[in-house]
Amino acid sequence: MDVTAVTGILQLLVLTAAVGGIFFTFGSKEEILNDAIEEISDLKSISSDLVKAQVLSQAKDGEHGRMLEDILRRLAKLEDSR
């Protein structure tokens, strides 16, 4: 074999390896992006659930406050009637 044939084959191998590396890099970046999108979606769901829980907690606190005020009012009414 002469030197030009060997050089041509080596250039082809290097070019093939470079193209394969590029596709591998794009594939791994795509996988990383898909994982990040999935994790962000999970975080969005979790934060939504936390907001719902906080709103329900505030509503329950308000309801308990009204109930306590009603009990205090009724107790005061009983004490006043004595």
C-alpha atoms as a PDB file:
ATOM      1  CA  MET A   1       0.000   0.000   0.000  1.00  0.00           C
ATOM      2  CA  ASP A   2       1.210   3.441  -0.699  1.00  0.00           C
ATOM      3  CA  VAL A   3       1.153   6.335   1.734  1.00  0.00           C
ATOM      4  CA  THR A   4      -1.813   8.159   0.133  1.00  0.00           C
ATOM      5  CA  ALA A   5      -4.081   5.113   0.521  1.00  0.00           C
ATOM      6  CA  VAL A   6      -3.131   4.729   4.173  1.00  0.00           C
ATOM      7  CA  THR A   7      -3.605   8.469   4.737  1.00  0.00           C
ATOM      8  CA  GLY A   8      -7.012   8.352   3.047  1.00  0.00           C
ATOM      9  CA  ILE A   9      -8.124   5.429   5.214  1.00  0.00           C
ATOM     10  CA  LEU A  10      -6.886   7.169   8.375  1.00  0.00           C
ATOM     11  CA  GLN A  11      -8.693  10.381   7.385  1.00  0.00           C
ATOM     12  CA  LEU A  12     -11.889   8.396   6.822  1.00  0.00           C
ATOM     13  CA  LEU A  13     -11.557   6.728  10.229  1.00  0.00           C
ATOM     14  CA  VAL A  14     -10.936  10.072  11.982  1.00  0.00           C
ATOM     15  CA  LEU A  15     -13.865  11.685  10.164  1.00  0.00           C
ATOM     16  CA  THR A  16     -16.157   8.764  11.084  1.00  0.00           C
ATOM     17  CA  ALA A  17     -15.060   8.948  14.719  1.00  0.00           C
ATOM     18  CA  ALA A  18     -15.642  12.722  14.791  1.00  0.00           C
ATOM     19  CA  VAL A  19     -19.147  12.412  13.309  1.00  0.00           C
ATOM     20  CA  GLY A  20     -19.948   9.604  15.747  1.00  0.00           C
ATOM     21  CA  GLY A  21     -18.695  11.750  18.625  1.00  0.00           C
ATOM     22  CA  ILE A  22     -20.892  14.643  17.527  1.00  0.00           C
ATOM     23  CA  PHE A  23     -23.978  12.424  17.390  1.00  0.00           C
ATOM     24  CA  PHE A  24     -23.078  10.918  20.770  1.00  0.00           C
ATOM     25  CA  THR A  25     -22.716  14.426  22.252  1.00  0.00           C
ATOM     26  CA  PHE A  26     -26.079  15.536  20.847  1.00  0.00           C
ATOM     27  CA  GLY A  27     -27.702  12.343  22.119  1.00  0.00           C
ATOM     28  CA  SER A  28     -26.369  12.750  25.637  1.00  0.00           C
ATOM     29  CA  LYS A  29     -27.365  16.424  25.727  1.00  0.00           C
ATOM     30  CA  GLU A  30     -30.857  15.490  24.564  1.00  0.00           C
ATOM     31  CA  GLU A  31     -31.081  12.905  27.337  1.00  0.00           C
ATOM     32  CA  ILE A  32     -29.922  15.449  29.924  1.00  0.00           C
ATOM     33  CA  LEU A  33     -32.529  17.946  28.684  1.00  0.00           C
ATOM     34  CA  ASN A  34     -35.290  15.324  28.833  1.00  0.00           C
ATOM     35  CA  ASP A  35     -34.297  14.411  32.402  1.00  0.00           C
ATOM     36  CA  ALA A  36     -34.291  18.089  33.384  1.00  0.00           C
ATOM     37  CA  ILE A  37     -37.735  18.612  31.822  1.00  0.00           C
ATOM     38  CA  GLU A  38     -39.095  15.622  33.758  1.00  0.00           C
ATOM     39  CA  GLU A  39     -37.615  16.869  37.045  1.00  0.00           C
ATOM     40  CA  ILE A  40     -38.988  20.379  36.456  1.00  0.00           C
ATOM     41  CA  SER A  41     -42.412  18.879  35.793  1.00  0.00           C
ATOM     42  CA  ASP A  42     -42.193  16.962  39.083  1.00  0.00           C
ATOM     43  CA  LEU A  43     -41.143  20.123  40.940  1.00  0.00           C
ATOM     44  CA  LYS A  44     -44.050  22.015  39.385  1.00  0.00           C
ATOM     45  CA  SER A  45     -46.460  19.349  40.609  1.00  0.00           C
ATOM     46  CA  ILE A  46     -44.939  19.367  44.095  1.00  0.00           C
ATOM     47  CA  SER A  47     -45.078  23.156  44.379  1.00  0.00           C
ATOM     48  CA  SER A  48     -48.692  23.134  43.195  1.00  0.00           C
ATOM     49  CA  ASP A  49     -49.573  20.586  45.879  1.00  0.00           C
ATOM     50  CA  LEU A  50     -47.766  22.685  48.510  1.00  0.00           C
ATOM     51  CA  VAL A  51     -49.743  25.784  47.541  1.00  0.00           C
ATOM     52  CA  LYS A  52     -52.999  23.817  47.723  1.00  0.00           C
ATOM     53  CA  ALA A  53     -52.046  22.470  51.153  1.00  0.00           C
ATOM     54  CA  GLN A  54     -51.181  25.960  52.390  1.00  0.00           C
ATOM     55  CA  VAL A  55     -54.475  27.386  51.132  1.00  0.00           C
ATOM     56  CA  LEU A  56     -56.424  24.583  52.806  1.00  0.00           C
ATOM     57  CA  SER A  57     -54.457  25.110  56.008  1.00  0.00           C
ATOM     58  CA  GLN A  58     -55.249  28.813  56.006  1.00  0.00           C
ATOM     59  CA  ALA A  59     -58.927  28.079  55.385  1.00  0.00           C
ATOM     60  CA  LYS A  60     -58.972  25.581  58.250  1.00  0.00           C
ATOM     61  CA  ASP A  61     -57.198  28.075  60.527  1.00  0.00           C
ATOM     62  CA  GLY A  62     -59.828  30.684  59.689  1.00  0.00           C
ATOM     63  CA  GLU A  63     -62.608  28.189  60.334  1.00  0.00           C
ATOM     64  CA  HIS A  64     -61.069  27.199  63.671  1.00  0.00           C
ATOM     65  CA  GLY A  65     -60.723  30.870  64.579  1.00  0.00           C
ATOM     66  CA  ARG A  66     -64.407  31.466  63.870  1.00  0.00           C
ATOM     67  CA  MET A  67     -65.341  28.405  65.904  1.00  0.00           C
ATOM     68  CA  LEU A  68     -63.227  29.590  68.861  1.00  0.00           C
ATOM     69  CA  GLU A  69     -64.771  33.055  68.656  1.00  0.00           C
ATOM     70  CA  ASP A  70     -68.235  31.496  68.666  1.00  0.00           C
ATOM     71  CA  ILE A  71     -67.341  29.371  71.707  1.00  0.00           C
ATOM     72  CA  LEU A  72     -65.940  32.412  73.526  1.00  0.00           C
ATOM     73  CA  ARG A  73     -69.076  34.390  72.698  1.00  0.00           C
ATOM     74  CA  ARG A  74     -71.291  31.586  73.985  1.00  0.00           C
ATOM     75  CA  LEU A  75     -69.199  31.252  77.169  1.00  0.00           C
ATOM     76  CA  ALA A  76     -69.399  34.991  77.746  1.00  0.00           C
ATOM     77  CA  LYS A  77     -73.161  34.818  77.256  1.00  0.00           C
ATOM     78  CA  LEU A  78     -73.371  32.019  79.859  1.00  0.00           C
ATOM     79  CA  GLU A  79     -71.228  33.953  82.337  1.00  0.00           C
ATOM     80  CA  ASP A  80     -73.315  37.082  81.833  1.00  0.00           C
ATOM     81  CA  SER A  81     -76.542  35.200  82.517  1.00  0.00           C
ATOM     82  CA  ARG A  82     -75.326  34.078  85.976  1.00  0.00           C
END
